[in-house]
């Protein structure tokens, strides 16, 4: 699934590299790690997108290549904290509907999946 197919769509993207950390807002939101071509590898939520971005950049699993590709972009959508779970579940369900599984780097099923 390409990140452009997520609904609601992302409002921004930065290269998934520590040099981009100043470009990520310190707001709550949902995000997707994606390959250079935009294939979704991971969907998550955060009360601070900036902090979560740095955590992922420093996590070997998120930086290493996968069978689906290597994370190159960090797409994000600022979301009110009360809506975080709903948007994350929606994105995971959209991916699941197309591929029959979660994105490759997601290890925990949302309660709404399956």
PDB file of N, CA and C in Angstrom:
ATOM      1  N   UNK A   1       0.845  -1.176   0.000  1.00  0.00           N
ATOM      2  CA  UNK A   1       0.000   0.000   0.000  1.00  0.00           C
ATOM      3  C   UNK A   1       0.887   1.234   0.000  1.00  0.00           C
ATOM      4  N   UNK A   2       0.576   2.148  -0.857  1.00  0.00           N
ATOM      5  CA  UNK A   2       1.324   3.388  -0.916  1.00  0.00           C
ATOM      6  C   UNK A   2       0.760   4.383   0.091  1.00  0.00           C
ATOM      7  N   UNK A   3       1.638   5.161   0.689  1.00  0.00           N
ATOM      8  CA  UNK A   3       1.224   6.120   1.718  1.00  0.00           C
ATOM      9  C   UNK A   3       0.169   7.096   1.186  1.00  0.00           C
ATOM     10  N   UNK A   4       0.167   7.353  -0.096  1.00  0.00           N
ATOM     11  CA  UNK A   4      -0.830   8.236  -0.688  1.00  0.00           C
ATOM     12  C   UNK A   4      -2.245   7.690  -0.633  1.00  0.00           C
ATOM     13  N   UNK A   5      -2.381   6.383  -0.356  1.00  0.00           N
ATOM     14  CA  UNK A   5      -3.694   5.756  -0.251  1.00  0.00           C
ATOM     15  C   UNK A   5      -4.282   5.845   1.152  1.00  0.00           C
ATOM     16  N   UNK A   6      -3.496   6.271   2.131  1.00  0.00           N
ATOM     17  CA  UNK A   6      -4.004   6.394   3.499  1.00  0.00           C
ATOM     18  C   UNK A   6      -5.046   7.499   3.568  1.00  0.00           C
ATOM     19  N   UNK A   7      -6.118   7.226   4.306  1.00  0.00           N
ATOM     20  CA  UNK A   7      -7.173   8.208   4.465  1.00  0.00           C
ATOM     21  C   UNK A   7      -7.585   8.237   5.934  1.00  0.00           C
ATOM     22  N   UNK A   8      -7.411   9.343   6.633  1.00  0.00           N
ATOM     23  CA  UNK A   8      -6.971  10.638   6.126  1.00  0.00           C
ATOM     24  C   UNK A   8      -5.498  10.609   5.721  1.00  0.00           C
ATOM     25  N   UNK A   9      -5.156  11.473   4.803  1.00  0.00           N
ATOM     26  CA  UNK A   9      -3.792  11.521   4.298  1.00  0.00           C
ATOM     27  C   UNK A   9      -2.856  12.269   5.229  1.00  0.00           C
ATOM     28  N   UNK A  10      -1.573  12.061   4.993  1.00  0.00           N
ATOM     29  CA  UNK A  10      -0.564  12.760   5.794  1.00  0.00           C
ATOM     30  C   UNK A  10      -0.518  14.229   5.395  1.00  0.00           C
ATOM     31  N   UNK A  11       0.001  15.050   6.298  1.00  0.00           N
ATOM     32  CA  UNK A  11       0.109  16.482   6.012  1.00  0.00           C
ATOM     33  C   UNK A  11       1.557  16.905   5.794  1.00  0.00           C
ATOM     34  N   UNK A  12       2.489  15.999   6.076  1.00  0.00           N
ATOM     35  CA  UNK A  12       3.897  16.334   5.890  1.00  0.00           C
ATOM     36  C   UNK A  12       4.745  15.094   5.796  1.00  0.00           C
ATOM     37  N   UNK A  13       5.967  15.293   5.315  1.00  0.00           N
ATOM     38  CA  UNK A  13       6.925  14.185   5.276  1.00  0.00           C
ATOM     39  C   UNK A  13       8.324  14.756   5.370  1.00  0.00           C
ATOM     40  N   UNK A  14       9.190  13.966   5.984  1.00  0.00           N
ATOM     41  CA  UNK A  14      10.612  14.298   6.055  1.00  0.00           C
ATOM     42  C   UNK A  14      11.393  13.025   5.794  1.00  0.00           C
ATOM     43  N   UNK A  15      12.635  13.205   5.386  1.00  0.00           N
ATOM     44  CA  UNK A  15      13.491  12.039   5.216  1.00  0.00           C
ATOM     45  C   UNK A  15      13.702  11.382   6.575  1.00  0.00           C
ATOM     46  N   UNK A  16      13.676  10.061   6.602  1.00  0.00           N
ATOM     47  CA  UNK A  16      13.829   9.308   7.845  1.00  0.00           C
ATOM     48  C   UNK A  16      15.317   9.229   8.183  1.00  0.00           C
ATOM     49  N   UNK A  17      15.816  10.326   8.722  1.00  0.00           N
ATOM     50  CA  UNK A  17      17.225  10.446   9.121  1.00  0.00           C
ATOM     51  C   UNK A  17      17.302  11.510  10.204  1.00  0.00           C
ATOM     52  N   UNK A  18      18.193  11.310  11.176  1.00  0.00           N
ATOM     53  CA  UNK A  18      18.290  12.246  12.305  1.00  0.00           C
ATOM     54  C   UNK A  18      18.487  13.691  11.863  1.00  0.00           C
ATOM     55  N   UNK A  19      19.115  13.911  10.720  1.00  0.00           N
ATOM     56  CA  UNK A  19      19.324  15.287  10.246  1.00  0.00           C
ATOM     57  C   UNK A  19      18.004  16.023  10.006  1.00  0.00           C
ATOM     58  N   UNK A  20      16.898  15.284   9.916  1.00  0.00           N
ATOM     59  CA  UNK A  20      15.582  15.888   9.656  1.00  0.00           C
ATOM     60  C   UNK A  20      14.777  16.166  10.914  1.00  0.00           C
ATOM     61  N   UNK A  21      15.316  15.845  12.098  1.00  0.00           N
ATOM     62  CA  UNK A  21      14.505  15.909  13.324  1.00  0.00           C
ATOM     63  C   UNK A  21      13.925  17.289  13.610  1.00  0.00           C
ATOM     64  N   UNK A  22      14.584  18.350  13.231  1.00  0.00           N
ATOM     65  CA  UNK A  22      14.068  19.703  13.496  1.00  0.00           C
ATOM     66  C   UNK A  22      12.852  20.042  12.640  1.00  0.00           C
ATOM     67  N   UNK A  23      12.594  19.226  11.627  1.00  0.00           N
ATOM     68  CA  UNK A  23      11.468  19.479  10.722  1.00  0.00           C
ATOM     69  C   UNK A  23      10.185  18.760  11.154  1.00  0.00           C
ATOM     70  N   UNK A  24      10.293  17.927  12.186  1.00  0.00           N
ATOM     71  CA  UNK A  24       9.134  17.163  12.670  1.00  0.00           C
ATOM     72  C   UNK A  24       8.488  17.939  13.822  1.00  0.00           C
ATOM     73  N   UNK A  25       7.182  18.185  13.745  1.00  0.00           N
ATOM     74  CA  UNK A  25       6.520  18.944  14.808  1.00  0.00           C
ATOM     75  C   UNK A  25       6.488  18.187  16.137  1.00  0.00           C
ATOM     76  N   UNK A  26       6.493  18.935  17.214  1.00  0.00           N
ATOM     77  CA  UNK A  26       6.408  18.349  18.553  1.00  0.00           C
ATOM     78  C   UNK A  26       4.941  18.274  18.983  1.00  0.00           C
ATOM     79  N   UNK A  27       4.102  17.802  18.083  1.00  0.00           N
ATOM     80  CA  UNK A  27       2.660  17.707  18.332  1.00  0.00           C
ATOM     81  C   UNK A  27       2.264  16.240  18.359  1.00  0.00           C
ATOM     82  N   UNK A  28       1.063  15.964  18.840  1.00  0.00           N
ATOM     83  CA  UNK A  28       0.562  14.588  18.776  1.00  0.00           C
ATOM     84  C   UNK A  28       0.148  14.297  17.336  1.00  0.00           C
ATOM     85  N   UNK A  29       0.235  13.024  16.987  1.00  0.00           N
ATOM     86  CA  UNK A  29      -0.156  12.669  15.630  1.00  0.00           C
ATOM     87  C   UNK A  29       0.070  11.218  15.301  1.00  0.00           C
ATOM     88  N   UNK A  30      -0.293  10.872  14.093  1.00  0.00           N
ATOM     89  CA  UNK A  30      -0.050   9.543  13.546  1.00  0.00           C
ATOM     90  C   UNK A  30       0.987   9.681  12.451  1.00  0.00           C
ATOM     91  N   UNK A  31       1.687   8.584  12.207  1.00  0.00           N
ATOM     92  CA  UNK A  31       2.784   8.640  11.238  1.00  0.00           C
ATOM     93  C   UNK A  31       2.949   7.297  10.558  1.00  0.00           C
ATOM     94  N   UNK A  32       3.632   7.324   9.437  1.00  0.00           N
ATOM     95  CA  UNK A  32       3.952   6.105   8.706  1.00  0.00           C
ATOM     96  C   UNK A  32       5.395   6.176   8.248  1.00  0.00           C
ATOM     97  N   UNK A  33       6.121   5.084   8.460  1.00  0.00           N
ATOM     98  CA  UNK A  33       7.439   4.933   7.859  1.00  0.00           C
ATOM     99  C   UNK A  33       7.211   4.294   6.503  1.00  0.00           C
ATOM    100  N   UNK A  34       7.874   4.813   5.478  1.00  0.00           N
ATOM    101  CA  UNK A  34       7.657   4.312   4.126  1.00  0.00           C
ATOM    102  C   UNK A  34       8.967   4.255   3.356  1.00  0.00           C
ATOM    103  N   UNK A  35       8.982   3.419   2.333  1.00  0.00           N
ATOM    104  CA  UNK A  35      10.142   3.300   1.460  1.00  0.00           C
ATOM    105  C   UNK A  35      10.277   4.560   0.604  1.00  0.00           C
ATOM    106  N   UNK A  36      11.342   4.634  -0.167  1.00  0.00           N
ATOM    107  CA  UNK A  36      11.555   5.766  -1.065  1.00  0.00           C
ATOM    108  C   UNK A  36      10.363   5.937  -2.005  1.00  0.00           C
ATOM    109  N   UNK A  37       9.784   4.818  -2.450  1.00  0.00           N
ATOM    110  CA  UNK A  37       8.637   4.856  -3.360  1.00  0.00           C
ATOM    111  C   UNK A  37       7.304   5.008  -2.644  1.00  0.00           C
ATOM    112  N   UNK A  38       7.323   5.107  -1.313  1.00  0.00           N
ATOM    113  CA  UNK A  38       6.099   5.362  -0.558  1.00  0.00           C
ATOM    114  C   UNK A  38       5.368   4.136  -0.047  1.00  0.00           C
ATOM    115  N   UNK A  39       5.962   2.935  -0.138  1.00  0.00           N
ATOM    116  CA  UNK A  39       5.296   1.742   0.390  1.00  0.00           C
ATOM    117  C   UNK A  39       5.357   1.776   1.917  1.00  0.00           C
ATOM    118  N   UNK A  40       4.211   1.594   2.553  1.00  0.00           N
ATOM    119  CA  UNK A  40       4.094   1.688   4.011  1.00  0.00           C
ATOM    120  C   UNK A  40       4.757   0.485   4.677  1.00  0.00           C
ATOM    121  N   UNK A  41       5.680   0.765   5.613  1.00  0.00           N
ATOM    122  CA  UNK A  41       6.367  -0.265   6.386  1.00  0.00           C
ATOM    123  C   UNK A  41       5.915  -0.303   7.830  1.00  0.00           C
ATOM    124  N   UNK A  42       5.386   0.818   8.333  1.00  0.00           N
ATOM    125  CA  UNK A  42       5.012   0.918   9.742  1.00  0.00           C
ATOM    126  C   UNK A  42       4.012   2.047   9.908  1.00  0.00           C
ATOM    127  N   UNK A  43       3.043   1.833  10.780  1.00  0.00           N
ATOM    128  CA  UNK A  43       2.062   2.852  11.129  1.00  0.00           C
ATOM    129  C   UNK A  43       2.076   2.981  12.642  1.00  0.00           C
ATOM    130  N   UNK A  44       2.117   4.211  13.136  1.00  0.00           N
ATOM    131  CA  UNK A  44       2.132   4.414  14.574  1.00  0.00           C
ATOM    132  C   UNK A  44       1.464   5.712  14.981  1.00  0.00           C
ATOM    133  N   UNK A  45       1.448   5.927  16.289  1.00  0.00           N
ATOM    134  CA  UNK A  45       0.908   7.161  16.856  1.00  0.00           C
ATOM    135  C   UNK A  45       1.868   7.650  17.921  1.00  0.00           C
ATOM    136  N   UNK A  46       1.789   8.931  18.229  1.00  0.00           N
ATOM    137  CA  UNK A  46       2.690   9.507  19.229  1.00  0.00           C
ATOM    138  C   UNK A  46       2.068  10.748  19.834  1.00  0.00           C
ATOM    139  N   UNK A  47       2.348  10.952  21.113  1.00  0.00           N
ATOM    140  CA  UNK A  47       1.940  12.211  21.735  1.00  0.00           C
ATOM    141  C   UNK A  47       2.932  13.307  21.367  1.00  0.00           C
ATOM    142  N   UNK A  48       4.131  12.930  20.955  1.00  0.00           N
ATOM    143  CA  UNK A  48       5.121  13.865  20.416  1.00  0.00           C
ATOM    144  C   UNK A  48       5.745  13.230  19.179  1.00  0.00           C
ATOM    145  N   UNK A  49       5.349  13.713  18.006  1.00  0.00           N
ATOM    146  CA  UNK A  49       5.904  13.178  16.766  1.00  0.00           C
ATOM    147  C   UNK A  49       7.426  13.330  16.732  1.00  0.00           C
ATOM    148  N   UNK A  50       7.930  14.456  17.211  1.00  0.00           N
ATOM    149  CA  UNK A  50       9.373  14.708  17.180  1.00  0.00           C
ATOM    150  C   UNK A  50      10.138  13.692  18.025  1.00  0.00           C
ATOM    151  N   UNK A  51       9.660  13.433  19.233  1.00  0.00           N
ATOM    152  CA  UNK A  51      10.339  12.467  20.102  1.00  0.00           C
ATOM    153  C   UNK A  51      10.290  11.062  19.518  1.00  0.00           C
ATOM    154  N   UNK A  52       9.132  10.694  18.993  1.00  0.00           N
ATOM    155  CA  UNK A  52       8.986   9.356  18.425  1.00  0.00           C
ATOM    156  C   UNK A  52       9.863   9.189  17.183  1.00  0.00           C
ATOM    157  N   UNK A  53       9.963  10.231  16.387  1.00  0.00           N
ATOM    158  CA  UNK A  53      10.828  10.221  15.211  1.00  0.00           C
ATOM    159  C   UNK A  53      12.267   9.885  15.611  1.00  0.00           C
ATOM    160  N   UNK A  54      12.792  10.573  16.620  1.00  0.00           N
ATOM    161  CA  UNK A  54      14.160  10.329  17.084  1.00  0.00           C
ATOM    162  C   UNK A  54      14.298   8.896  17.605  1.00  0.00           C
ATOM    163  N   UNK A  55      13.308   8.433  18.387  1.00  0.00           N
ATOM    164  CA  UNK A  55      13.361   7.056  18.904  1.00  0.00           C
ATOM    165  C   UNK A  55      13.472   6.048  17.755  1.00  0.00           C
ATOM    166  N   UNK A  56      12.671   6.230  16.723  1.00  0.00           N
ATOM    167  CA  UNK A  56      12.712   5.298  15.589  1.00  0.00           C
ATOM    168  C   UNK A  56      14.035   5.396  14.835  1.00  0.00           C
ATOM    169  N   UNK A  57      14.558   6.608  14.679  1.00  0.00           N
ATOM    170  CA  UNK A  57      15.844   6.772  13.983  1.00  0.00           C
ATOM    171  C   UNK A  57      16.978   6.057  14.716  1.00  0.00           C
ATOM    172  N   UNK A  58      16.819   5.898  16.018  1.00  0.00           N
ATOM    173  CA  UNK A  58      17.844   5.252  16.836  1.00  0.00           C
ATOM    174  C   UNK A  58      17.555   3.768  17.083  1.00  0.00           C
ATOM    175  N   UNK A  59      16.539   3.214  16.400  1.00  0.00           N
ATOM    176  CA  UNK A  59      16.173   1.804  16.556  1.00  0.00           C
ATOM    177  C   UNK A  59      16.620   1.030  15.316  1.00  0.00           C
ATOM    178  N   UNK A  60      17.521   0.080  15.532  1.00  0.00           N
ATOM    179  CA  UNK A  60      18.091  -0.687  14.426  1.00  0.00           C
ATOM    180  C   UNK A  60      17.022  -1.337  13.560  1.00  0.00           C
ATOM    181  N   UNK A  61      16.016  -1.948  14.179  1.00  0.00           N
ATOM    182  CA  UNK A  61      14.976  -2.638  13.417  1.00  0.00           C
ATOM    183  C   UNK A  61      14.270  -1.709  12.433  1.00  0.00           C
ATOM    184  N   UNK A  62      14.039  -0.459  12.845  1.00  0.00           N
ATOM    185  CA  UNK A  62      13.326   0.474  11.972  1.00  0.00           C
ATOM    186  C   UNK A  62      14.219   1.003  10.844  1.00  0.00           C
ATOM    187  N   UNK A  63      15.536   0.934  11.043  1.00  0.00           N
ATOM    188  CA  UNK A  63      16.481   1.471  10.058  1.00  0.00           C
ATOM    189  C   UNK A  63      17.008   0.417   9.089  1.00  0.00           C
ATOM    190  N   UNK A  64      16.946  -0.849   9.480  1.00  0.00           N
ATOM    191  CA  UNK A  64      17.456  -1.931   8.634  1.00  0.00           C
ATOM    192  C   UNK A  64      16.498  -2.227   7.482  1.00  0.00           C
ATOM    193  N   UNK A  65      17.027  -2.741   6.371  1.00  0.00           N
ATOM    194  CA  UNK A  65      16.155  -3.162   5.260  1.00  0.00           C
ATOM    195  C   UNK A  65      15.222  -4.292   5.695  1.00  0.00           C
ATOM    196  N   UNK A  66      14.042  -4.347   5.110  1.00  0.00           N
ATOM    197  CA  UNK A  66      13.061  -5.413   5.344  1.00  0.00           C
ATOM    198  C   UNK A  66      12.775  -6.073   3.989  1.00  0.00           C
ATOM    199  N   UNK A  67      12.064  -7.183   3.977  1.00  0.00           N
ATOM    200  CA  UNK A  67      11.657  -7.769   2.691  1.00  0.00           C
ATOM    201  C   UNK A  67      10.786  -6.819   1.852  1.00  0.00           C
ATOM    202  N   UNK A  68      10.127  -5.855   2.496  1.00  0.00           N
ATOM    203  CA  UNK A  68       9.292  -4.884   1.779  1.00  0.00           C
ATOM    204  C   UNK A  68      10.052  -3.609   1.405  1.00  0.00           C
ATOM    205  N   UNK A  69      11.302  -3.484   1.843  1.00  0.00           N
ATOM    206  CA  UNK A  69      12.103  -2.295   1.544  1.00  0.00           C
ATOM    207  C   UNK A  69      12.640  -1.656   2.806  1.00  0.00           C
ATOM    208  N   UNK A  70      13.334  -0.557   2.624  1.00  0.00           N
ATOM    209  CA  UNK A  70      13.987   0.165   3.722  1.00  0.00           C
ATOM    210  C   UNK A  70      13.262   1.487   3.954  1.00  0.00           C
ATOM    211  N   UNK A  71      13.064   1.835   5.222  1.00  0.00           N
ATOM    212  CA  UNK A  71      12.401   3.107   5.553  1.00  0.00           C
ATOM    213  C   UNK A  71      13.242   4.276   5.058  1.00  0.00           C
ATOM    214  N   UNK A  72      12.608   5.158   4.303  1.00  0.00           N
ATOM    215  CA  UNK A  72      13.278   6.347   3.769  1.00  0.00           C
ATOM    216  C   UNK A  72      12.532   7.622   4.146  1.00  0.00           C
ATOM    217  N   UNK A  73      11.205   7.525   4.256  1.00  0.00           N
ATOM    218  CA  UNK A  73      10.372   8.690   4.574  1.00  0.00           C
ATOM    219  C   UNK A  73       9.628   8.482   5.882  1.00  0.00           C
ATOM    220  N   UNK A  74       9.394   9.583   6.579  1.00  0.00           N
ATOM    221  CA  UNK A  74       8.553   9.645   7.773  1.00  0.00           C
ATOM    222  C   UNK A  74       7.409  10.590   7.417  1.00  0.00           C
ATOM    223  N   UNK A  75       6.236  10.029   7.154  1.00  0.00           N
ATOM    224  CA  UNK A  75       5.036  10.822   6.849  1.00  0.00           C
ATOM    225  C   UNK A  75       4.281  11.033   8.153  1.00  0.00           C
ATOM    226  N   UNK A  76       3.662  12.182   8.315  1.00  0.00           N
ATOM    227  CA  UNK A  76       2.947  12.438   9.563  1.00  0.00           C
ATOM    228  C   UNK A  76       1.696  13.269   9.338  1.00  0.00           C
ATOM    229  N   UNK A  77       0.791  13.134  10.300  1.00  0.00           N
ATOM    230  CA  UNK A  77      -0.437  13.904  10.327  1.00  0.00           C
ATOM    231  C   UNK A  77      -0.669  14.321  11.768  1.00  0.00           C
ATOM    232  N   UNK A  78      -0.703  15.607  12.035  1.00  0.00           N
ATOM    233  CA  UNK A  78      -0.999  16.076  13.386  1.00  0.00           C
ATOM    234  C   UNK A  78      -2.457  15.738  13.690  1.00  0.00           C
ATOM    235  N   UNK A  79      -2.666  15.108  14.844  1.00  0.00           N
ATOM    236  CA  UNK A  79      -3.996  14.624  15.236  1.00  0.00           C
ATOM    237  C   UNK A  79      -4.206  14.962  16.704  1.00  0.00           C
ATOM    238  N   UNK A  80      -5.394  15.418  17.034  1.00  0.00           N
ATOM    239  CA  UNK A  80      -5.745  15.656  18.444  1.00  0.00           C
ATOM    240  C   UNK A  80      -5.555  14.349  19.214  1.00  0.00           C
ATOM    241  N   UNK A  81      -5.089  14.449  20.449  1.00  0.00           N
ATOM    242  CA  UNK A  81      -4.783  13.245  21.219  1.00  0.00           C
ATOM    243  C   UNK A  81      -5.982  12.310  21.361  1.00  0.00           C
ATOM    244  N   UNK A  82      -7.186  12.855  21.402  1.00  0.00           N
ATOM    245  CA  UNK A  82      -8.381  12.007  21.546  1.00  0.00           C
ATOM    246  C   UNK A  82      -8.657  11.182  20.284  1.00  0.00           C
ATOM    247  N   UNK A  83      -8.078  11.564  19.143  1.00  0.00           N
ATOM    248  CA  UNK A  83      -8.323  10.879  17.876  1.00  0.00           C
ATOM    249  C   UNK A  83      -7.172   9.970  17.447  1.00  0.00           C
ATOM    250  N   UNK A  84      -6.087   9.933  18.219  1.00  0.00           N
ATOM    251  CA  UNK A  84      -4.904   9.168  17.827  1.00  0.00           C
ATOM    252  C   UNK A  84      -5.214   7.706  17.555  1.00  0.00           C
ATOM    253  N   UNK A  85      -5.871   7.042  18.497  1.00  0.00           N
ATOM    254  CA  UNK A  85      -6.158   5.616  18.332  1.00  0.00           C
ATOM    255  C   UNK A  85      -7.028   5.344  17.120  1.00  0.00           C
ATOM    256  N   UNK A  86      -8.004   6.190  16.896  1.00  0.00           N
ATOM    257  CA  UNK A  86      -8.915   5.990  15.761  1.00  0.00           C
ATOM    258  C   UNK A  86      -8.172   6.099  14.430  1.00  0.00           C
ATOM    259  N   UNK A  87      -7.337   7.118  14.285  1.00  0.00           N
ATOM    260  CA  UNK A  87      -6.608   7.303  13.022  1.00  0.00           C
ATOM    261  C   UNK A  87      -5.607   6.168  12.807  1.00  0.00           C
ATOM    262  N   UNK A  88      -4.877   5.792  13.859  1.00  0.00           N
ATOM    263  CA  UNK A  88      -3.923   4.690  13.714  1.00  0.00           C
ATOM    264  C   UNK A  88      -4.642   3.404  13.302  1.00  0.00           C
ATOM    265  N   UNK A  89      -5.747   3.071  13.974  1.00  0.00           N
ATOM    266  CA  UNK A  89      -6.514   1.865  13.629  1.00  0.00           C
ATOM    267  C   UNK A  89      -7.021   1.933  12.194  1.00  0.00           C
ATOM    268  N   UNK A  90      -7.471   3.110  11.778  1.00  0.00           N
ATOM    269  CA  UNK A  90      -7.965   3.283  10.405  1.00  0.00           C
ATOM    270  C   UNK A  90      -6.860   2.986   9.400  1.00  0.00           C
ATOM    271  N   UNK A  91      -5.674   3.545   9.622  1.00  0.00           N
ATOM    272  CA  UNK A  91      -4.553   3.308   8.709  1.00  0.00           C
ATOM    273  C   UNK A  91      -4.162   1.834   8.701  1.00  0.00           C
ATOM    274  N   UNK A  92      -4.104   1.209   9.879  1.00  0.00           N
ATOM    275  CA  UNK A  92      -3.758  -0.210   9.933  1.00  0.00           C
ATOM    276  C   UNK A  92      -4.814  -1.054   9.216  1.00  0.00           C
ATOM    277  N   UNK A  93      -6.071  -0.729   9.411  1.00  0.00           N
ATOM    278  CA  UNK A  93      -7.148  -1.483   8.764  1.00  0.00           C
ATOM    279  C   UNK A  93      -7.090  -1.321   7.253  1.00  0.00           C
ATOM    280  N   UNK A  94      -6.788  -0.134   6.771  1.00  0.00           N
ATOM    281  CA  UNK A  94      -6.667   0.075   5.330  1.00  0.00           C
ATOM    282  C   UNK A  94      -5.555  -0.804   4.753  1.00  0.00           C
ATOM    283  N   UNK A  95      -4.420  -0.872   5.420  1.00  0.00           N
ATOM    284  CA  UNK A  95      -3.317  -1.710   4.970  1.00  0.00           C
ATOM    285  C   UNK A  95      -3.726  -3.181   5.026  1.00  0.00           C
ATOM    286  N   UNK A  96      -4.337  -3.582   6.143  1.00  0.00           N
ATOM    287  CA  UNK A  96      -4.760  -4.963   6.336  1.00  0.00           C
ATOM    288  C   UNK A  96      -5.754  -5.405   5.256  1.00  0.00           C
ATOM    289  N   UNK A  97      -6.667  -4.541   4.891  1.00  0.00           N
ATOM    290  CA  UNK A  97      -7.669  -4.858   3.878  1.00  0.00           C
ATOM    291  C   UNK A  97      -7.013  -5.179   2.539  1.00  0.00           C
ATOM    292  N   UNK A  98      -5.967  -4.466   2.190  1.00  0.00           N
ATOM    293  CA  UNK A  98      -5.279  -4.677   0.909  1.00  0.00           C
ATOM    294  C   UNK A  98      -4.345  -5.877   0.959  1.00  0.00           C
ATOM    295  N   UNK A  99      -3.584  -6.020   2.051  1.00  0.00           N
ATOM    296  CA  UNK A  99      -2.500  -7.005   2.103  1.00  0.00           C
ATOM    297  C   UNK A  99      -2.782  -8.226   2.985  1.00  0.00           C
ATOM    298  N   UNK A 100      -3.843  -8.185   3.778  1.00  0.00           N
ATOM    299  CA  UNK A 100      -4.155  -9.315   4.649  1.00  0.00           C
ATOM    300  C   UNK A 100      -3.215  -9.445   5.838  1.00  0.00           C
ATOM    301  N   UNK A 101      -2.511  -8.402   6.133  1.00  0.00           N
ATOM    302  CA  UNK A 101      -1.559  -8.372   7.248  1.00  0.00           C
ATOM    303  C   UNK A 101      -1.283  -6.919   7.601  1.00  0.00           C
ATOM    304  N   UNK A 102      -0.618  -6.737   8.733  1.00  0.00           N
ATOM    305  CA  UNK A 102      -0.171  -5.401   9.119  1.00  0.00           C
ATOM    306  C   UNK A 102       1.078  -5.029   8.330  1.00  0.00           C
ATOM    307  N   UNK A 103       1.454  -3.747   8.316  1.00  0.00           N
ATOM    308  CA  UNK A 103       2.746  -3.385   7.732  1.00  0.00           C
ATOM    309  C   UNK A 103       3.861  -4.199   8.400  1.00  0.00           C
ATOM    310  N   UNK A 104       4.901  -4.496   7.667  1.00  0.00           N
ATOM    311  CA  UNK A 104       5.921  -5.444   8.103  1.00  0.00           C
ATOM    312  C   UNK A 104       6.588  -5.095   9.437  1.00  0.00           C
ATOM    313  N   UNK A 105       6.724  -3.823   9.769  1.00  0.00           N
ATOM    314  CA  UNK A 105       7.371  -3.438  11.019  1.00  0.00           C
ATOM    315  C   UNK A 105       6.401  -3.293  12.187  1.00  0.00           C
ATOM    316  N   UNK A 106       5.096  -3.399  11.932  1.00  0.00           N
ATOM    317  CA  UNK A 106       4.118  -3.396  13.022  1.00  0.00           C
ATOM    318  C   UNK A 106       4.038  -4.790  13.621  1.00  0.00           C
ATOM    319  N   UNK A 107       4.251  -4.877  14.930  1.00  0.00           N
ATOM    320  CA  UNK A 107       4.252  -6.182  15.608  1.00  0.00           C
ATOM    321  C   UNK A 107       2.990  -6.417  16.425  1.00  0.00           C
ATOM    322  N   UNK A 108       2.242  -5.366  16.727  1.00  0.00           N
ATOM    323  CA  UNK A 108       1.056  -5.476  17.581  1.00  0.00           C
ATOM    324  C   UNK A 108      -0.183  -5.163  16.756  1.00  0.00           C
ATOM    325  N   UNK A 109      -1.142  -6.083  16.780  1.00  0.00           N
ATOM    326  CA  UNK A 109      -2.412  -5.853  16.082  1.00  0.00           C
ATOM    327  C   UNK A 109      -3.241  -4.828  16.823  1.00  0.00           C
ATOM    328  N   UNK A 110      -3.866  -3.954  16.073  1.00  0.00           N
ATOM    329  CA  UNK A 110      -4.854  -3.058  16.636  1.00  0.00           C
ATOM    330  C   UNK A 110      -6.075  -3.900  17.018  1.00  0.00           C
ATOM    331  N   UNK A 111      -6.812  -3.512  18.056  1.00  0.00           N
ATOM    332  CA  UNK A 111      -8.002  -4.277  18.430  1.00  0.00           C
ATOM    333  C   UNK A 111      -9.032  -4.391  17.298  1.00  0.00           C
ATOM    334  N   UNK A 112      -8.969  -3.506  16.315  1.00  0.00           N
ATOM    335  CA  UNK A 112      -9.954  -3.495  15.233  1.00  0.00           C
ATOM    336  C   UNK A 112      -9.513  -4.333  14.035  1.00  0.00           C
ATOM    337  N   UNK A 113      -8.300  -4.895  14.049  1.00  0.00           N
ATOM    338  CA  UNK A 113      -7.783  -5.647  12.911  1.00  0.00           C
ATOM    339  C   UNK A 113      -8.257  -7.095  12.995  1.00  0.00           C
ATOM    340  N   UNK A 114      -8.500  -7.687  11.826  1.00  0.00           N
ATOM    341  CA  UNK A 114      -8.788  -9.111  11.735  1.00  0.00           C
ATOM    342  C   UNK A 114     -10.155  -9.457  11.889  1.00  0.00           C
TER     343      UNK A 114
END
